[in-house]
Amino acid sequence: MIKLVRIDHRLLHGQVVFAWTKSLNISRIIIVDNNAAKDELKKMSLNLTKPSGVKLNIFSVEEALSKMPKVEKLNENIMFIFGGTNSVLKFCEGYNKIKEINYGGIAKKDNSKQYSNAIFLNEDELNDSVKLKNMGINLYMQQVPTSRKEDLLSKI
């Protein structure tokens, strides 16, 4: 069962991932990021940083979409982590069962606007987020399970 869909440019960020996996009893993390999926060094380092006992898959958006029939049959608590808004939008366009997305970390860059302490959206990311909103997906910002859940929909 998919327990969390999260955007975090850091992908597997130590304390954050450990907090979410413990809080939601996650047994599998699926990273969906085109760059990480084709970078063997990145994949190796991500495997080293995952929580002990948690399975890890790293897929491109296309691979993840093709694996969803199998993923849906798994008897596991699953956390999806996307590297950015564009990949999660492409995924949601191909898989319409995602109901909410946790915006956990999107880095500050030129011409980006701050929405929370760790969420900075540029024009492209804002446009992706509006498209997700228009698909009926709830968007919220929350760093860790113990922090306050902030609505993003009302801010975009």
C-alpha atoms as a PDB file:
ATOM      1  CA  MET A   1       0.000   0.000   0.000  1.00  0.00           C
ATOM      2  CA  ILE A   2       1.321   3.452  -0.894  1.00  0.00           C
ATOM      3  CA  LYS A   3       1.588   5.310   2.420  1.00  0.00           C
ATOM      4  CA  LEU A   4       3.428   8.443   1.285  1.00  0.00           C
ATOM      5  CA  VAL A   5       4.268  10.209  -1.961  1.00  0.00           C
ATOM      6  CA  ARG A   6       6.947  12.822  -1.353  1.00  0.00           C
ATOM      7  CA  ILE A   7       8.970  15.315  -3.359  1.00  0.00           C
ATOM      8  CA  ASP A   8      12.465  15.829  -1.986  1.00  0.00           C
ATOM      9  CA  HIS A   9      15.351  17.007  -4.148  1.00  0.00           C
ATOM     10  CA  ARG A  10      17.733  15.230  -1.735  1.00  0.00           C
ATOM     11  CA  LEU A  11      15.944  11.902  -2.403  1.00  0.00           C
ATOM     12  CA  LEU A  12      17.075   9.897   0.653  1.00  0.00           C
ATOM     13  CA  HIS A  13      17.842  12.528   3.265  1.00  0.00           C
ATOM     14  CA  GLY A  14      18.994  10.687   6.385  1.00  0.00           C
ATOM     15  CA  GLN A  15      16.985  11.892   9.370  1.00  0.00           C
ATOM     16  CA  VAL A  16      13.936  12.736   7.270  1.00  0.00           C
ATOM     17  CA  VAL A  17      13.703   9.298   5.668  1.00  0.00           C
ATOM     18  CA  PHE A  18      14.302   7.553   8.994  1.00  0.00           C
ATOM     19  CA  ALA A  19      11.523   9.607  10.629  1.00  0.00           C
ATOM     20  CA  TRP A  20       8.995   8.864   7.869  1.00  0.00           C
ATOM     21  CA  THR A  21       9.853   5.164   7.567  1.00  0.00           C
ATOM     22  CA  LYS A  22       9.514   4.694  11.331  1.00  0.00           C
ATOM     23  CA  SER A  23       6.318   6.760  11.595  1.00  0.00           C
ATOM     24  CA  LEU A  24       4.538   4.982   8.718  1.00  0.00           C
ATOM     25  CA  ASN A  25       6.151   1.563   9.175  1.00  0.00           C
ATOM     26  CA  ILE A  26       7.597   1.745   5.646  1.00  0.00           C
ATOM     27  CA  SER A  27       9.137  -1.471   4.330  1.00  0.00           C
ATOM     28  CA  ARG A  28       9.917  -0.297   0.767  1.00  0.00           C
ATOM     29  CA  ILE A  29      11.072   3.021  -0.665  1.00  0.00           C
ATOM     30  CA  ILE A  30      10.676   3.636  -4.379  1.00  0.00           C
ATOM     31  CA  ILE A  31      12.698   6.540  -5.714  1.00  0.00           C
ATOM     32  CA  VAL A  32      11.426   7.874  -9.015  1.00  0.00           C
ATOM     33  CA  ASP A  33      14.070  10.076 -10.572  1.00  0.00           C
ATOM     34  CA  ASN A  34      15.317   9.852 -14.156  1.00  0.00           C
ATOM     35  CA  ASN A  35      18.830  11.060 -13.291  1.00  0.00           C
ATOM     36  CA  ALA A  36      19.320   8.721 -10.336  1.00  0.00           C
ATOM     37  CA  ALA A  37      17.916   5.768 -12.315  1.00  0.00           C
ATOM     38  CA  LYS A  38      20.712   5.985 -14.881  1.00  0.00           C
ATOM     39  CA  ASP A  39      23.575   6.885 -12.519  1.00  0.00           C
ATOM     40  CA  GLU A  40      25.168   3.748 -11.046  1.00  0.00           C
ATOM     41  CA  LEU A  41      27.250   5.705  -8.513  1.00  0.00           C
ATOM     42  CA  LYS A  42      24.161   7.561  -7.292  1.00  0.00           C
ATOM     43  CA  LYS A  43      22.230   4.287  -7.005  1.00  0.00           C
ATOM     44  CA  MET A  44      25.047   2.736  -5.000  1.00  0.00           C
ATOM     45  CA  SER A  45      25.223   5.697  -2.607  1.00  0.00           C
ATOM     46  CA  LEU A  46      21.418   5.733  -2.173  1.00  0.00           C
ATOM     47  CA  ASN A  47      21.497   2.036  -1.286  1.00  0.00           C
ATOM     48  CA  LEU A  48      24.092   2.796   1.384  1.00  0.00           C
ATOM     49  CA  THR A  49      21.954   5.541   2.961  1.00  0.00           C
ATOM     50  CA  LYS A  50      18.627   3.726   3.123  1.00  0.00           C
ATOM     51  CA  PRO A  51      17.325   2.606   6.504  1.00  0.00           C
ATOM     52  CA  SER A  52      18.342  -0.925   7.483  1.00  0.00           C
ATOM     53  CA  GLY A  53      15.714  -3.527   6.644  1.00  0.00           C
ATOM     54  CA  VAL A  54      13.942  -1.288   4.120  1.00  0.00           C
ATOM     55  CA  LYS A  55      13.913  -2.360   0.479  1.00  0.00           C
ATOM     56  CA  LEU A  56      14.873   0.257  -2.114  1.00  0.00           C
ATOM     57  CA  ASN A  57      14.007   0.552  -5.792  1.00  0.00           C
ATOM     58  CA  ILE A  58      15.227   3.336  -8.053  1.00  0.00           C
ATOM     59  CA  PHE A  59      13.291   3.844 -11.269  1.00  0.00           C
ATOM     60  CA  SER A  60      12.854   6.355 -14.058  1.00  0.00           C
ATOM     61  CA  VAL A  61       9.328   7.728 -14.403  1.00  0.00           C
ATOM     62  CA  GLU A  62       8.635   5.346 -17.297  1.00  0.00           C
ATOM     63  CA  GLU A  63       9.953   2.329 -15.387  1.00  0.00           C
ATOM     64  CA  ALA A  64       7.900   3.236 -12.316  1.00  0.00           C
ATOM     65  CA  LEU A  65       4.730   3.524 -14.391  1.00  0.00           C
ATOM     66  CA  SER A  66       5.356   0.125 -15.993  1.00  0.00           C
ATOM     67  CA  LYS A  67       5.909  -1.457 -12.537  1.00  0.00           C
ATOM     68  CA  MET A  68       2.722  -0.110 -10.910  1.00  0.00           C
ATOM     69  CA  PRO A  69       0.570  -3.230 -11.542  1.00  0.00           C
ATOM     70  CA  LYS A  70       3.208  -5.247  -9.651  1.00  0.00           C
ATOM     71  CA  VAL A  71       3.680  -2.553  -6.969  1.00  0.00           C
ATOM     72  CA  GLU A  72      -0.067  -2.508  -6.284  1.00  0.00           C
ATOM     73  CA  LYS A  73       0.052  -6.223  -5.462  1.00  0.00           C
ATOM     74  CA  LEU A  74       2.854  -5.901  -2.894  1.00  0.00           C
ATOM     75  CA  ASN A  75       1.850  -6.471   0.695  1.00  0.00           C
ATOM     76  CA  GLU A  76       4.148  -3.704   1.967  1.00  0.00           C
ATOM     77  CA  ASN A  77       3.949  -0.130   3.203  1.00  0.00           C
ATOM     78  CA  ILE A  78       5.537   1.896   0.429  1.00  0.00           C
ATOM     79  CA  MET A  79       6.976   5.399   0.296  1.00  0.00           C
ATOM     80  CA  PHE A  80       7.530   7.026  -3.104  1.00  0.00           C
ATOM     81  CA  ILE A  81      10.143   9.770  -3.334  1.00  0.00           C
ATOM     82  CA  PHE A  82      10.379  11.987  -6.408  1.00  0.00           C
ATOM     83  CA  GLY A  83      13.290  14.296  -7.155  1.00  0.00           C
ATOM     84  CA  GLY A  84      11.102  17.142  -8.399  1.00  0.00           C
ATOM     85  CA  THR A  85       7.688  18.371  -9.464  1.00  0.00           C
ATOM     86  CA  ASN A  86       8.147  17.464 -13.128  1.00  0.00           C
ATOM     87  CA  SER A  87       8.719  13.770 -12.468  1.00  0.00           C
ATOM     88  CA  VAL A  88       5.786  13.513 -10.048  1.00  0.00           C
ATOM     89  CA  LEU A  89       3.531  15.303 -12.560  1.00  0.00           C
ATOM     90  CA  LYS A  90       4.527  12.899 -15.364  1.00  0.00           C
ATOM     91  CA  PHE A  91       3.953   9.970 -13.026  1.00  0.00           C
ATOM     92  CA  CYS A  92       0.514  11.223 -11.937  1.00  0.00           C
ATOM     93  CA  GLU A  93      -0.493  11.829 -15.554  1.00  0.00           C
ATOM     94  CA  GLY A  94       0.196   8.142 -16.215  1.00  0.00           C
ATOM     95  CA  TYR A  95      -1.070   6.816 -12.880  1.00  0.00           C
ATOM     96  CA  ASN A  96      -4.212   8.537 -11.643  1.00  0.00           C
ATOM     97  CA  LYS A  97      -4.479   6.932  -8.186  1.00  0.00           C
ATOM     98  CA  ILE A  98      -2.314   9.387  -6.235  1.00  0.00           C
ATOM     99  CA  LYS A  99      -4.522  11.472  -3.923  1.00  0.00           C
ATOM    100  CA  GLU A 100      -1.945  13.605  -2.084  1.00  0.00           C
ATOM    101  CA  ILE A 101       1.683  14.649  -2.361  1.00  0.00           C
ATOM    102  CA  ASN A 102       4.009  15.719   0.417  1.00  0.00           C
ATOM    103  CA  TYR A 103       6.293  18.569  -0.612  1.00  0.00           C
ATOM    104  CA  GLY A 104       9.277  17.867   1.610  1.00  0.00           C
ATOM    105  CA  GLY A 105      12.230  19.652   0.073  1.00  0.00           C
ATOM    106  CA  ILE A 106      12.621  21.706  -3.086  1.00  0.00           C
ATOM    107  CA  ALA A 107      15.838  23.712  -3.236  1.00  0.00           C
ATOM    108  CA  LYS A 108      16.107  27.454  -3.603  1.00  0.00           C
ATOM    109  CA  LYS A 109      17.227  28.531  -7.059  1.00  0.00           C
ATOM    110  CA  ASP A 110      17.193  31.635  -9.239  1.00  0.00           C
ATOM    111  CA  ASN A 111      13.731  33.146  -9.635  1.00  0.00           C
ATOM    112  CA  SER A 112      12.118  30.836  -7.086  1.00  0.00           C
ATOM    113  CA  LYS A 113       9.581  31.895  -4.492  1.00  0.00           C
ATOM    114  CA  GLN A 114       9.620  30.563  -0.935  1.00  0.00           C
ATOM    115  CA  TYR A 115       6.486  28.712   0.239  1.00  0.00           C
ATOM    116  CA  SER A 116       7.881  27.218   3.460  1.00  0.00           C
ATOM    117  CA  ASN A 117      11.262  26.875   5.095  1.00  0.00           C
ATOM    118  CA  ALA A 118      12.284  24.106   2.658  1.00  0.00           C
ATOM    119  CA  ILE A 119      10.009  24.677  -0.363  1.00  0.00           C
ATOM    120  CA  PHE A 120      11.082  27.068  -3.116  1.00  0.00           C
ATOM    121  CA  LEU A 121       9.196  26.903  -6.418  1.00  0.00           C
ATOM    122  CA  ASN A 122      10.286  28.500  -9.673  1.00  0.00           C
ATOM    123  CA  GLU A 123       7.809  29.171 -12.476  1.00  0.00           C
ATOM    124  CA  ASP A 124       8.063  25.662 -13.981  1.00  0.00           C
ATOM    125  CA  GLU A 125       7.626  23.985 -10.590  1.00  0.00           C
ATOM    126  CA  LEU A 126       4.690  26.244  -9.793  1.00  0.00           C
ATOM    127  CA  ASN A 127       3.077  25.359 -13.128  1.00  0.00           C
ATOM    128  CA  ASP A 128       3.615  21.637 -12.429  1.00  0.00           C
ATOM    129  CA  SER A 129       2.037  22.107  -8.985  1.00  0.00           C
ATOM    130  CA  VAL A 130      -0.991  23.912 -10.419  1.00  0.00           C
ATOM    131  CA  LYS A 131      -1.478  21.030 -12.878  1.00  0.00           C
ATOM    132  CA  LEU A 132      -1.334  18.542  -9.981  1.00  0.00           C
ATOM    133  CA  LYS A 133      -3.825  20.691  -8.052  1.00  0.00           C
ATOM    134  CA  ASN A 134      -6.133  20.745 -11.098  1.00  0.00           C
ATOM    135  CA  MET A 135      -5.972  16.922 -11.176  1.00  0.00           C
ATOM    136  CA  GLY A 136      -7.587  16.958  -7.735  1.00  0.00           C
ATOM    137  CA  ILE A 137      -4.441  15.997  -5.839  1.00  0.00           C
ATOM    138  CA  ASN A 138      -3.975  17.428  -2.345  1.00  0.00           C
ATOM    139  CA  LEU A 139      -0.595  19.151  -2.014  1.00  0.00           C
ATOM    140  CA  TYR A 140       0.884  19.804   1.395  1.00  0.00           C
ATOM    141  CA  MET A 141       4.227  20.736   2.916  1.00  0.00           C
ATOM    142  CA  GLN A 142       5.655  18.781   5.830  1.00  0.00           C
ATOM    143  CA  GLN A 143       9.294  18.080   6.615  1.00  0.00           C
ATOM    144  CA  VAL A 144       8.921  15.268   9.132  1.00  0.00           C
ATOM    145  CA  PRO A 145       5.928  13.474  10.668  1.00  0.00           C
ATOM    146  CA  THR A 146       6.135  15.536  13.860  1.00  0.00           C
ATOM    147  CA  SER A 147       6.141  18.914  12.082  1.00  0.00           C
ATOM    148  CA  ARG A 148       2.995  20.828  11.211  1.00  0.00           C
ATOM    149  CA  LYS A 149       1.282  19.907   7.944  1.00  0.00           C
ATOM    150  CA  GLU A 150       0.875  23.081   5.833  1.00  0.00           C
ATOM    151  CA  ASP A 151      -1.552  23.380   2.928  1.00  0.00           C
ATOM    152  CA  LEU A 152       0.152  24.294  -0.340  1.00  0.00           C
ATOM    153  CA  LEU A 153      -3.036  24.443  -2.442  1.00  0.00           C
ATOM    154  CA  SER A 154      -4.159  27.763  -0.938  1.00  0.00           C
ATOM    155  CA  LYS A 155      -0.752  29.331  -1.663  1.00  0.00           C
ATOM    156  CA  ILE A 156      -0.521  28.537  -5.354  1.00  0.00           C
END
